[in-house]
Amino acid sequence: MRKVFTAAALLVLIPGLAPFSRALEFSFAGVSYKSAPAAVSAPDMVNAKSAAPKVKEWTVMVFLNGKNNLELAGLYNVNKMEKVGSDANINVVVELGRMNGQAAGDTNMDGNWTGSRRLYIKKDKNDMAVTSPIVQKAPVVDMGDYKRVVSFVKWAKESYPARKYMLVLWDHGSGWMDLAPKPKTAQKGISFDDETGNFIRTRQIGDILKEAGRVDVLAYDACLMQMAEVAFEVKDNASVIVGSEETVPGTGYPYDLILGVLAQKPALSAEDMGILTVEAYKAFYEAMKKGTQLSAIRAAKLGDLGTKMAEFSALAREVNDAAALKAARAGVIRYDMLGEELDPKMSISFYGDLHQYAGLMAAGLKSNDGKAAALRQKAAALQQFIDKELVIDNKATGNNRLGRPLAESRGLSVYLPPAETRVAQEKLEGLFEGKYGEFLFDKEVHWHDYVTYLYGVK
């Protein structure tokens, strides 16, 4: 899940209040941007029809689902976007959804309206209110319906054409884990709508891009989404994928830093945009002294990654070194998918870093025979491929809540059996809405066969 605000944190995260009101200087690719200190002035309202129809360099599309306990965070992020706004070279458009009556995080700020508003983001000096023009609005909307994202992206591309497109999916996230839904209860996936109880499933993320068309950068401002299983669903319809292996703080991306540099250097390539997002995220949370991780990967390299993973896992089963397998399972860095209350030691978490796992597995091998030597080579090749080919940029700040450096994360996580060996596979997987074998990743890599094998290693 995305880390949500505590009651005390809500006060300091309201735009205009410390500590996020202080200026932060950020440099990227020879461009410096200094975020402006918070200021409150009269709203600078503009007519929605003033948006220029010409083809610009970039259109940044943010699907922002605040119909849950992240409503205040959504307003905060839109205000950050308004520190820069759209200009002659870039369009910034947002679909913002809100509701009343959620169990936590409800706010009456900014008029306490509900439903959905599509906004063309304009620069303003008001940190306490969203002043960008409302281009469309709907009194009732299901932000957990993937077709709503399809509609938003198609509308944005038609209304605000550009040479390059970035789509940000903003909300809670939980990797590939789609739990069987219960009526009126938000479950795991991405984009949870607490009003309808619906959410976007992993396979549906791929459907969004199939139906709405390719994007240059797909970014997840949501927890735990930089996973092999998720990436394979979109690999043919995006060039760069940005996301975190770990949870994302409630404040999300530093949109003013990202857009501030893009406004000064609008000709950035898709890969440069991915790097910019990663570097800005690192700079922001480093200043906040918050443990985080974010990476950008090349979607075109995922097919080759799958081949290397399949070769590695097949040979690991042949070598069958139980001690090495158990050591890697116990030692790999895990991610906080269940939270401290349910999983205090992260021993139940079944998301682990792929690169580190392969290295631990190879390091634990005792045999020096031909197959063991070949497995070491396969592991090293997999690690090198991740570092040199797949990952464009990967940055971490600080430690996770157990004190492990998040720099141990190398850019992509994957399903690995929990470190707690008493967690039964059938019981765990019985909670999922669909079968793991339905993911494109498993159809190509057969990783579930390897996971099942690992569960059986004693």
Protein backbone atom coordinates (compact mmCIF):
# COMPACT_ATOMS: atom_id res chain seq x y z
CA MET A 1 0.00 0.00 0.00
CA ARG A 2 1.03 3.61 -0.38
CA LYS A 3 2.13 5.10 2.91
CA VAL A 4 -0.69 7.31 4.14
CA PHE A 5 -0.63 10.33 6.37
CA THR A 6 -0.92 10.10 10.11
CA ALA A 7 -3.14 12.68 11.77
CA ALA A 8 -0.10 14.75 12.78
CA ALA A 9 1.43 14.52 9.32
CA LEU A 10 -1.73 15.86 7.72
CA LEU A 11 -1.06 19.25 9.24
CA VAL A 12 2.43 19.65 7.83
CA LEU A 13 1.51 18.28 4.41
CA ILE A 14 -1.17 20.87 3.72
CA PRO A 15 0.29 23.10 0.97
CA GLY A 16 1.77 26.26 2.40
CA LEU A 17 2.87 24.77 5.72
CA ALA A 18 6.30 23.54 6.85
CA PRO A 19 8.34 21.54 6.13
CA PHE A 20 7.34 21.27 2.47
CA SER A 21 7.03 25.02 1.98
CA ARG A 22 10.79 25.51 1.95
CA ALA A 23 12.57 26.07 -1.34
CA LEU A 24 14.52 23.14 -2.77
CA GLU A 25 17.16 23.56 -5.48
CA PHE A 26 17.49 20.77 -8.03
CA SER A 27 19.76 20.40 -11.05
CA PHE A 28 19.45 17.99 -13.95
CA ALA A 29 21.24 17.79 -17.31
CA GLY A 30 22.70 21.25 -16.94
CA VAL A 31 19.39 22.82 -15.93
CA SER A 32 18.80 24.21 -12.44
CA TYR A 33 15.38 24.66 -10.91
CA LYS A 34 14.61 26.17 -7.53
CA SER A 35 11.16 25.52 -6.15
CA ALA A 36 9.43 28.65 -4.97
CA PRO A 37 8.56 29.04 -1.29
CA ALA A 38 4.88 28.71 -0.51
CA ALA A 39 2.82 31.82 -1.08
CA VAL A 40 -0.90 32.53 -1.00
CA SER A 41 -2.53 34.98 -3.36
CA ALA A 42 -5.82 35.46 -5.13
CA PRO A 43 -6.63 32.65 -7.60
CA ASP A 44 -5.51 33.37 -11.14
CA MET A 45 -8.40 31.75 -12.97
CA VAL A 46 -8.25 31.29 -16.73
CA ASN A 47 -10.72 30.14 -19.32
CA ALA A 48 -10.54 26.42 -20.09
CA LYS A 49 -10.84 27.17 -23.82
CA SER A 50 -7.52 29.02 -23.80
CA ALA A 51 -5.56 25.75 -24.03
CA ALA A 52 -3.51 25.84 -27.24
CA PRO A 53 -4.36 23.00 -29.65
CA LYS A 54 -0.94 22.89 -31.29
CA VAL A 55 1.27 19.81 -31.02
CA LYS A 56 3.68 20.38 -28.14
CA GLU A 57 6.79 18.51 -27.03
CA TRP A 58 5.20 16.72 -24.05
CA THR A 59 1.79 16.05 -22.60
CA VAL A 60 1.98 14.83 -19.00
CA MET A 61 -1.24 13.04 -18.00
CA VAL A 62 -1.88 12.30 -14.31
CA PHE A 63 -4.79 10.02 -13.38
CA LEU A 64 -5.18 10.98 -9.75
CA ASN A 65 -7.61 8.90 -7.71
CA GLY A 66 -8.32 10.66 -4.42
CA LYS A 67 -11.44 8.62 -3.66
CA ASN A 68 -9.82 7.09 -0.58
CA ASN A 69 -7.61 8.21 2.29
CA LEU A 70 -5.20 9.97 -0.09
CA GLU A 71 -7.60 12.79 -0.96
CA LEU A 72 -5.52 15.48 0.77
CA ALA A 73 -2.33 14.16 -0.83
CA GLY A 74 -3.98 14.50 -4.22
CA LEU A 75 -4.80 18.16 -3.62
CA TYR A 76 -1.25 18.71 -2.37
CA ASN A 77 0.22 17.19 -5.55
CA VAL A 78 -2.01 19.22 -7.88
CA ASN A 79 -0.92 22.39 -6.08
CA LYS A 80 2.70 21.32 -6.64
CA MET A 81 1.98 20.92 -10.37
CA GLU A 82 0.52 24.44 -10.38
CA LYS A 83 3.87 25.86 -9.26
CA VAL A 84 4.98 25.26 -12.87
CA GLY A 85 1.91 24.48 -14.96
CA SER A 86 1.55 24.10 -18.71
CA ASP A 87 3.30 26.39 -21.17
CA ALA A 88 4.04 26.78 -24.88
CA ASN A 89 5.94 23.48 -24.96
CA ILE A 90 4.28 21.19 -22.42
CA ASN A 91 0.74 20.28 -21.45
CA VAL A 92 -0.06 19.07 -17.94
CA VAL A 93 -3.50 17.54 -17.52
CA VAL A 94 -5.05 15.81 -14.52
CA GLU A 95 -8.13 13.79 -13.81
CA LEU A 96 -8.81 14.26 -10.10
CA GLY A 97 -11.43 12.15 -8.33
CA ARG A 98 -12.83 12.92 -4.86
CA MET A 99 -15.51 11.61 -2.52
CA ASN A 100 -16.96 12.20 0.94
CA GLY A 101 -17.41 9.70 3.73
CA GLN A 102 -14.20 7.67 3.48
CA ALA A 103 -13.12 6.12 6.75
CA ALA A 104 -9.91 8.16 6.93
CA GLY A 105 -8.32 11.09 5.16
CA ASP A 106 -11.52 12.94 4.22
CA THR A 107 -11.02 16.69 3.75
CA ASN A 108 -13.31 19.58 2.89
CA MET A 109 -10.51 21.63 1.36
CA ASP A 110 -10.90 23.23 -2.06
CA GLY A 111 -14.68 23.39 -1.93
CA ASN A 112 -15.33 19.80 -0.83
CA TRP A 113 -16.62 18.91 -4.28
CA THR A 114 -17.07 15.26 -5.26
CA GLY A 115 -16.93 13.27 -8.46
CA SER A 116 -14.27 13.89 -11.09
CA ARG A 117 -12.69 16.96 -12.63
CA ARG A 118 -10.38 17.06 -15.61
CA LEU A 119 -8.00 19.96 -15.24
CA TYR A 120 -5.63 21.75 -17.59
CA ILE A 121 -2.88 22.70 -15.16
CA LYS A 122 -1.98 26.38 -15.17
CA LYS A 123 0.70 28.08 -13.11
CA ASP A 124 -0.55 30.02 -10.11
CA LYS A 125 0.68 31.49 -6.84
CA ASN A 126 -1.98 29.97 -4.63
CA ASP A 127 -0.74 27.07 -2.52
CA MET A 128 -4.02 26.61 -0.68
CA ALA A 129 -6.39 26.03 -3.59
CA VAL A 130 -6.48 24.41 -7.01
CA THR A 131 -7.14 27.19 -9.50
CA SER A 132 -6.52 25.45 -12.83
CA PRO A 133 -9.43 25.52 -15.27
CA ILE A 134 -11.94 22.67 -15.18
CA VAL A 135 -12.20 21.33 -18.72
CA GLN A 136 -14.63 18.51 -17.92
CA LYS A 137 -16.37 17.25 -14.82
CA ALA A 138 -18.56 14.33 -13.82
CA PRO A 139 -20.66 14.17 -10.63
CA VAL A 140 -20.37 10.38 -10.43
CA VAL A 141 -17.33 8.39 -11.52
CA ASP A 142 -15.64 5.05 -10.82
CA MET A 143 -11.92 5.81 -10.54
CA GLY A 144 -11.28 2.08 -10.04
CA ASP A 145 -12.53 1.28 -13.56
CA TYR A 146 -9.63 0.95 -16.00
CA LYS A 147 -11.88 2.22 -18.79
CA ARG A 148 -12.01 5.57 -17.02
CA VAL A 149 -8.24 5.81 -17.48
CA VAL A 150 -8.65 4.84 -21.14
CA SER A 151 -11.20 7.64 -21.57
CA PHE A 152 -8.90 10.13 -19.85
CA VAL A 153 -5.85 9.24 -21.96
CA LYS A 154 -7.78 9.31 -25.23
CA TRP A 155 -9.29 12.68 -24.30
CA ALA A 156 -5.90 14.09 -23.31
CA LYS A 157 -4.21 12.94 -26.51
CA GLU A 158 -6.99 14.37 -28.67
CA SER A 159 -7.32 17.66 -26.80
CA TYR A 160 -3.64 18.24 -26.01
CA PRO A 161 -1.54 16.51 -28.68
CA ALA A 162 2.20 16.18 -28.23
CA ARG A 163 5.25 14.48 -29.67
CA LYS A 164 5.73 12.53 -26.45
CA TYR A 165 3.34 11.39 -23.73
CA MET A 166 3.83 10.56 -20.07
CA LEU A 167 1.05 8.83 -18.12
CA VAL A 168 1.20 8.83 -14.33
CA LEU A 169 -1.06 6.43 -12.43
CA TRP A 170 -1.43 8.00 -8.99
CA ASP A 171 -2.89 6.26 -5.93
CA HIS A 172 -2.34 3.31 -3.64
CA GLY A 173 -0.53 0.42 -5.29
CA SER A 174 0.43 -3.10 -4.32
CA GLY A 175 2.35 -4.58 -7.23
CA TRP A 176 0.78 -7.51 -9.03
CA MET A 177 -1.27 -8.66 -6.05
CA ASP A 178 -4.95 -8.56 -7.01
CA LEU A 179 -6.92 -9.89 -4.06
CA ALA A 180 -10.40 -11.31 -4.48
CA PRO A 181 -12.66 -8.26 -4.01
CA LYS A 182 -15.32 -7.80 -1.39
CA PRO A 183 -18.31 -5.53 -2.03
CA LYS A 184 -17.65 -1.86 -1.18
CA THR A 185 -14.18 -2.67 0.10
CA ALA A 186 -11.05 -1.47 -1.69
CA GLN A 187 -8.66 -4.33 -2.33
CA LYS A 188 -5.12 -4.71 -3.57
CA GLY A 189 -4.18 -3.72 -7.11
CA ILE A 190 -3.91 -0.05 -8.11
CA SER A 191 -6.32 2.91 -8.09
CA PHE A 192 -8.67 1.93 -5.27
CA ASP A 193 -12.05 3.65 -5.29
CA ASP A 194 -13.47 3.44 -1.77
CA GLU A 195 -16.89 4.58 -2.95
CA THR A 196 -17.41 1.82 -5.54
CA GLY A 197 -15.09 -0.81 -4.05
CA ASN A 198 -13.50 -1.23 -7.47
CA PHE A 199 -9.80 -1.20 -8.39
CA ILE A 200 -7.63 -1.58 -11.46
CA ARG A 201 -6.22 -5.09 -11.83
CA THR A 202 -2.72 -5.87 -13.03
CA ARG A 203 -3.85 -7.19 -16.42
CA GLN A 204 -6.05 -4.12 -16.85
CA ILE A 205 -3.03 -1.81 -16.65
CA GLY A 206 -1.93 -3.45 -19.88
CA ASP A 207 -5.44 -3.04 -21.29
CA ILE A 208 -5.27 0.71 -20.64
CA LEU A 209 -2.37 1.16 -23.04
CA LYS A 210 -3.70 -1.34 -25.56
CA GLU A 211 -6.97 0.59 -25.79
CA ALA A 212 -5.75 4.17 -25.29
CA GLY A 213 -2.52 3.85 -27.24
CA ARG A 214 1.17 3.81 -26.54
CA VAL A 215 2.90 6.23 -24.17
CA ASP A 216 6.55 7.15 -24.01
CA VAL A 217 6.74 7.05 -20.22
CA LEU A 218 4.45 5.15 -17.88
CA ALA A 219 5.05 6.16 -14.27
CA TYR A 220 3.50 4.80 -11.09
CA ASP A 221 3.12 7.34 -8.30
CA ALA A 222 2.02 4.40 -6.17
CA CYS A 223 3.64 1.80 -3.97
CA LEU A 224 5.41 -1.40 -4.98
CA MET A 225 4.66 -1.24 -8.71
CA GLN A 226 8.16 -1.73 -10.19
CA MET A 227 7.79 -5.49 -10.57
CA ALA A 228 8.50 -7.90 -13.40
CA GLU A 229 4.90 -9.14 -13.33
CA VAL A 230 3.49 -5.63 -13.77
CA ALA A 231 6.08 -4.48 -16.30
CA PHE A 232 5.42 -7.35 -18.71
CA GLU A 233 1.77 -6.31 -19.03
CA VAL A 234 2.77 -2.96 -20.58
CA LYS A 235 6.12 -3.72 -22.22
CA ASP A 236 4.82 -3.48 -25.79
CA ASN A 237 3.07 -0.14 -25.32
CA ALA A 238 5.52 2.00 -23.34
CA SER A 239 9.15 2.91 -23.83
CA VAL A 240 10.10 3.70 -20.22
CA ILE A 241 8.52 2.46 -17.00
CA VAL A 242 9.09 4.37 -13.76
CA GLY A 243 8.15 2.98 -10.36
CA SER A 244 9.24 1.93 -6.91
CA GLU A 245 10.02 -1.51 -5.56
CA GLU A 246 9.20 -0.13 -2.10
CA THR A 247 6.33 1.93 -0.72
CA VAL A 248 5.93 5.54 -1.84
CA PRO A 249 5.46 8.27 0.81
CA GLY A 250 2.10 10.02 0.87
CA THR A 251 3.56 13.15 -0.70
CA GLY A 252 4.33 11.19 -3.86
CA TYR A 253 6.40 12.61 -6.72
CA PRO A 254 7.90 16.13 -6.44
CA TYR A 255 5.94 17.43 -9.41
CA ASP A 256 7.26 20.98 -9.18
CA LEU A 257 10.86 19.73 -9.51
CA ILE A 258 10.05 17.41 -12.40
CA LEU A 259 7.94 19.90 -14.33
CA GLY A 260 10.27 22.78 -13.49
CA VAL A 261 13.15 21.14 -15.33
CA LEU A 262 10.94 19.85 -18.16
CA ALA A 263 9.67 23.39 -18.75
CA GLN A 264 13.26 24.56 -19.22
CA LYS A 265 14.27 21.58 -21.33
CA PRO A 266 11.13 20.36 -23.13
CA ALA A 267 13.03 18.38 -25.77
CA LEU A 268 13.99 15.69 -23.23
CA SER A 269 13.79 12.14 -24.58
CA ALA A 270 11.65 9.47 -22.95
CA GLU A 271 14.70 7.99 -21.23
CA ASP A 272 15.79 11.41 -20.01
CA MET A 273 12.30 11.98 -18.64
CA GLY A 274 12.58 8.71 -16.74
CA ILE A 275 15.94 9.73 -15.33
CA LEU A 276 14.63 13.18 -14.40
CA THR A 277 11.76 11.65 -12.45
CA VAL A 278 14.10 9.30 -10.57
CA GLU A 279 16.66 12.00 -9.77
CA ALA A 280 14.05 14.55 -8.66
CA TYR A 281 12.43 11.95 -6.41
CA LYS A 282 15.79 11.17 -4.82
CA ALA A 283 16.64 14.84 -4.29
CA PHE A 284 13.27 15.57 -2.67
CA TYR A 285 13.26 12.65 -0.23
CA GLU A 286 16.93 13.03 0.56
CA ALA A 287 16.11 16.56 1.72
CA MET A 288 13.15 15.15 3.69
CA LYS A 289 15.41 12.45 5.19
CA LYS A 290 12.96 9.76 4.09
CA GLY A 291 13.87 6.25 2.97
CA THR A 292 12.76 5.73 -0.64
CA GLN A 293 13.66 3.99 -3.90
CA LEU A 294 12.67 4.66 -7.52
CA SER A 295 13.85 3.28 -10.84
CA ALA A 296 13.31 3.73 -14.55
CA ILE A 297 13.57 0.73 -16.87
CA ARG A 298 13.57 0.09 -20.62
CA ALA A 299 10.43 -1.78 -21.61
CA ALA A 300 12.05 -3.05 -24.82
CA LYS A 301 14.55 -5.05 -22.75
CA LEU A 302 11.95 -7.02 -20.80
CA GLY A 303 11.76 -9.84 -23.33
CA ASP A 304 15.49 -10.48 -22.99
CA LEU A 305 15.16 -10.24 -19.21
CA GLY A 306 12.52 -12.96 -19.32
CA THR A 307 14.81 -15.23 -21.31
CA LYS A 308 17.64 -14.79 -18.80
CA MET A 309 15.31 -15.35 -15.85
CA ALA A 310 13.94 -18.53 -17.40
CA GLU A 311 17.46 -19.89 -18.02
CA PHE A 312 18.58 -18.98 -14.50
CA SER A 313 15.56 -20.54 -12.78
CA ALA A 314 15.68 -23.74 -14.87
CA LEU A 315 19.35 -24.30 -14.07
CA ALA A 316 18.79 -23.49 -10.38
CA ARG A 317 16.28 -26.33 -10.23
CA GLU A 318 18.76 -28.71 -11.86
CA VAL A 319 21.56 -27.79 -9.47
CA ASN A 320 19.12 -28.12 -6.56
CA ASP A 321 21.38 -26.68 -3.86
CA ALA A 322 18.92 -26.48 -0.98
CA ALA A 323 21.26 -24.52 1.29
CA ALA A 324 21.88 -21.85 -1.36
CA LEU A 325 18.18 -21.62 -2.20
CA LYS A 326 17.18 -21.21 1.42
CA ALA A 327 19.92 -18.64 2.10
CA ALA A 328 18.84 -16.50 -0.85
CA ARG A 329 15.19 -16.75 0.19
CA ALA A 330 16.04 -15.73 3.74
CA GLY A 331 18.52 -12.99 2.84
CA VAL A 332 16.98 -11.05 -0.02
CA ILE A 333 15.63 -7.58 0.76
CA ARG A 334 11.86 -7.60 1.03
CA TYR A 335 9.37 -4.79 0.49
CA ASP A 336 6.74 -3.47 2.88
CA MET A 337 3.63 -4.76 1.12
CA LEU A 338 1.70 -5.69 4.27
CA GLY A 339 2.76 -3.04 6.78
CA GLU A 340 4.29 -3.21 10.22
CA GLU A 341 1.17 -4.42 12.02
CA LEU A 342 0.66 -7.49 9.81
CA ASP A 343 4.30 -8.18 8.95
CA PRO A 344 6.63 -6.62 11.56
CA LYS A 345 9.80 -8.28 10.22
CA MET A 346 8.76 -8.36 6.54
CA SER A 347 9.08 -12.13 6.74
CA ILE A 348 5.68 -12.69 5.11
CA SER A 349 6.27 -10.26 2.24
CA PHE A 350 6.63 -12.15 -1.03
CA TYR A 351 8.18 -9.31 -3.05
CA GLY A 352 11.99 -9.34 -3.26
CA ASP A 353 14.70 -7.69 -5.35
CA LEU A 354 15.54 -9.83 -8.38
CA HIS A 355 19.15 -8.70 -8.81
CA GLN A 356 20.09 -9.30 -5.18
CA TYR A 357 18.32 -12.65 -5.09
CA ALA A 358 20.31 -13.95 -8.06
CA GLY A 359 23.57 -12.82 -6.43
CA LEU A 360 22.77 -14.40 -3.08
CA MET A 361 21.78 -17.62 -4.78
CA ALA A 362 25.08 -17.83 -6.70
CA ALA A 363 27.16 -16.87 -3.67
CA GLY A 364 25.64 -19.67 -1.61
CA LEU A 365 26.48 -22.49 -4.02
CA LYS A 366 28.85 -25.02 -2.48
CA SER A 367 29.58 -27.18 -5.50
CA ASN A 368 32.21 -26.37 -8.13
CA ASP A 369 30.99 -28.81 -10.74
CA GLY A 370 30.01 -27.80 -14.26
CA LYS A 371 26.37 -27.06 -13.59
CA ALA A 372 27.09 -25.01 -10.48
CA ALA A 373 29.69 -23.01 -12.39
CA ALA A 374 27.18 -22.45 -15.19
CA LEU A 375 24.57 -21.28 -12.68
CA ARG A 376 27.02 -18.74 -11.27
CA GLN A 377 27.56 -17.47 -14.80
CA LYS A 378 23.81 -17.28 -15.43
CA ALA A 379 23.31 -15.32 -12.21
CA ALA A 380 26.13 -12.92 -13.06
CA ALA A 381 24.77 -12.44 -16.58
CA LEU A 382 21.31 -11.73 -15.20
CA GLN A 383 22.69 -9.16 -12.76
CA GLN A 384 24.81 -7.49 -15.43
CA PHE A 385 21.83 -7.33 -17.79
CA ILE A 386 19.70 -5.65 -15.12
CA ASP A 387 22.45 -3.11 -14.38
CA LYS A 388 23.58 -2.36 -17.91
CA GLU A 389 20.61 -3.00 -20.19
CA LEU A 390 17.31 -3.01 -18.33
CA VAL A 391 17.67 -0.27 -15.72
CA ILE A 392 18.12 3.27 -17.03
CA ASP A 393 18.40 4.83 -13.58
CA ASN A 394 17.90 3.56 -10.02
CA LYS A 395 18.26 5.66 -6.89
CA ALA A 396 17.55 5.10 -3.22
CA THR A 397 17.68 7.19 -0.08
CA GLY A 398 18.04 5.97 3.49
CA ASN A 399 16.82 2.69 4.96
CA ASN A 400 13.62 0.70 5.10
CA ARG A 401 11.78 0.41 8.40
CA LEU A 402 13.96 -2.54 9.43
CA GLY A 403 17.13 -0.51 8.95
CA ARG A 404 18.29 -2.15 5.72
CA PRO A 405 19.72 0.26 3.14
CA LEU A 406 17.28 0.66 0.28
CA ALA A 407 20.34 0.92 -1.96
CA GLU A 408 20.28 -2.89 -1.87
CA SER A 409 17.40 -2.55 -4.34
CA ARG A 410 18.63 -2.67 -7.92
CA GLY A 411 15.53 -1.64 -9.86
CA LEU A 412 13.08 -4.54 -10.21
CA SER A 413 11.31 -6.88 -7.81
CA VAL A 414 9.58 -10.21 -8.37
CA TYR A 415 7.45 -12.82 -6.60
CA LEU A 416 9.59 -14.86 -4.20
CA PRO A 417 8.21 -17.15 -1.48
CA PRO A 418 8.14 -15.46 1.95
CA ALA A 419 11.16 -15.79 4.22
CA GLU A 420 8.75 -17.26 6.77
CA THR A 421 8.71 -20.84 5.51
CA ARG A 422 5.57 -21.76 7.41
CA VAL A 423 3.47 -19.64 5.05
CA ALA A 424 1.81 -22.19 2.77
CA GLN A 425 1.71 -21.48 -0.96
CA GLU A 426 -1.86 -22.69 -1.42
CA LYS A 427 -3.12 -20.58 1.48
CA LEU A 428 -1.34 -17.46 0.24
CA GLU A 429 -2.32 -17.82 -3.39
CA GLY A 430 -5.88 -18.71 -2.41
CA LEU A 431 -6.38 -15.03 -1.56
CA PHE A 432 -5.73 -13.87 -5.14
CA GLU A 433 -8.55 -12.98 -7.52
CA GLY A 434 -6.88 -14.61 -10.52
CA LYS A 435 -4.19 -17.16 -11.18
CA TYR A 436 -0.55 -16.10 -11.39
CA GLY A 437 -0.27 -18.09 -14.60
CA GLU A 438 -2.58 -15.60 -16.31
CA PHE A 439 0.10 -12.90 -16.24
CA LEU A 440 2.05 -12.38 -19.47
CA PHE A 441 5.23 -12.58 -17.42
CA ASP A 442 4.51 -16.12 -16.31
CA LYS A 443 3.38 -17.21 -19.75
CA GLU A 444 6.80 -16.20 -21.09
CA VAL A 445 9.06 -17.02 -18.14
CA HIS A 446 7.20 -19.79 -16.23
CA TRP A 447 8.34 -18.18 -13.00
CA HIS A 448 5.48 -19.71 -11.05
CA ASP A 449 6.96 -23.16 -11.64
CA TYR A 450 10.16 -21.93 -10.03
CA VAL A 451 8.28 -20.33 -7.12
CA THR A 452 6.38 -23.58 -6.53
CA TYR A 453 9.68 -25.46 -6.55
CA LEU A 454 11.14 -23.01 -3.98
CA TYR A 455 8.20 -23.54 -1.65
CA GLY A 456 9.07 -27.24 -1.64
CA VAL A 457 12.77 -26.82 -0.80
CA LYS A 458 13.36 -27.99 2.78
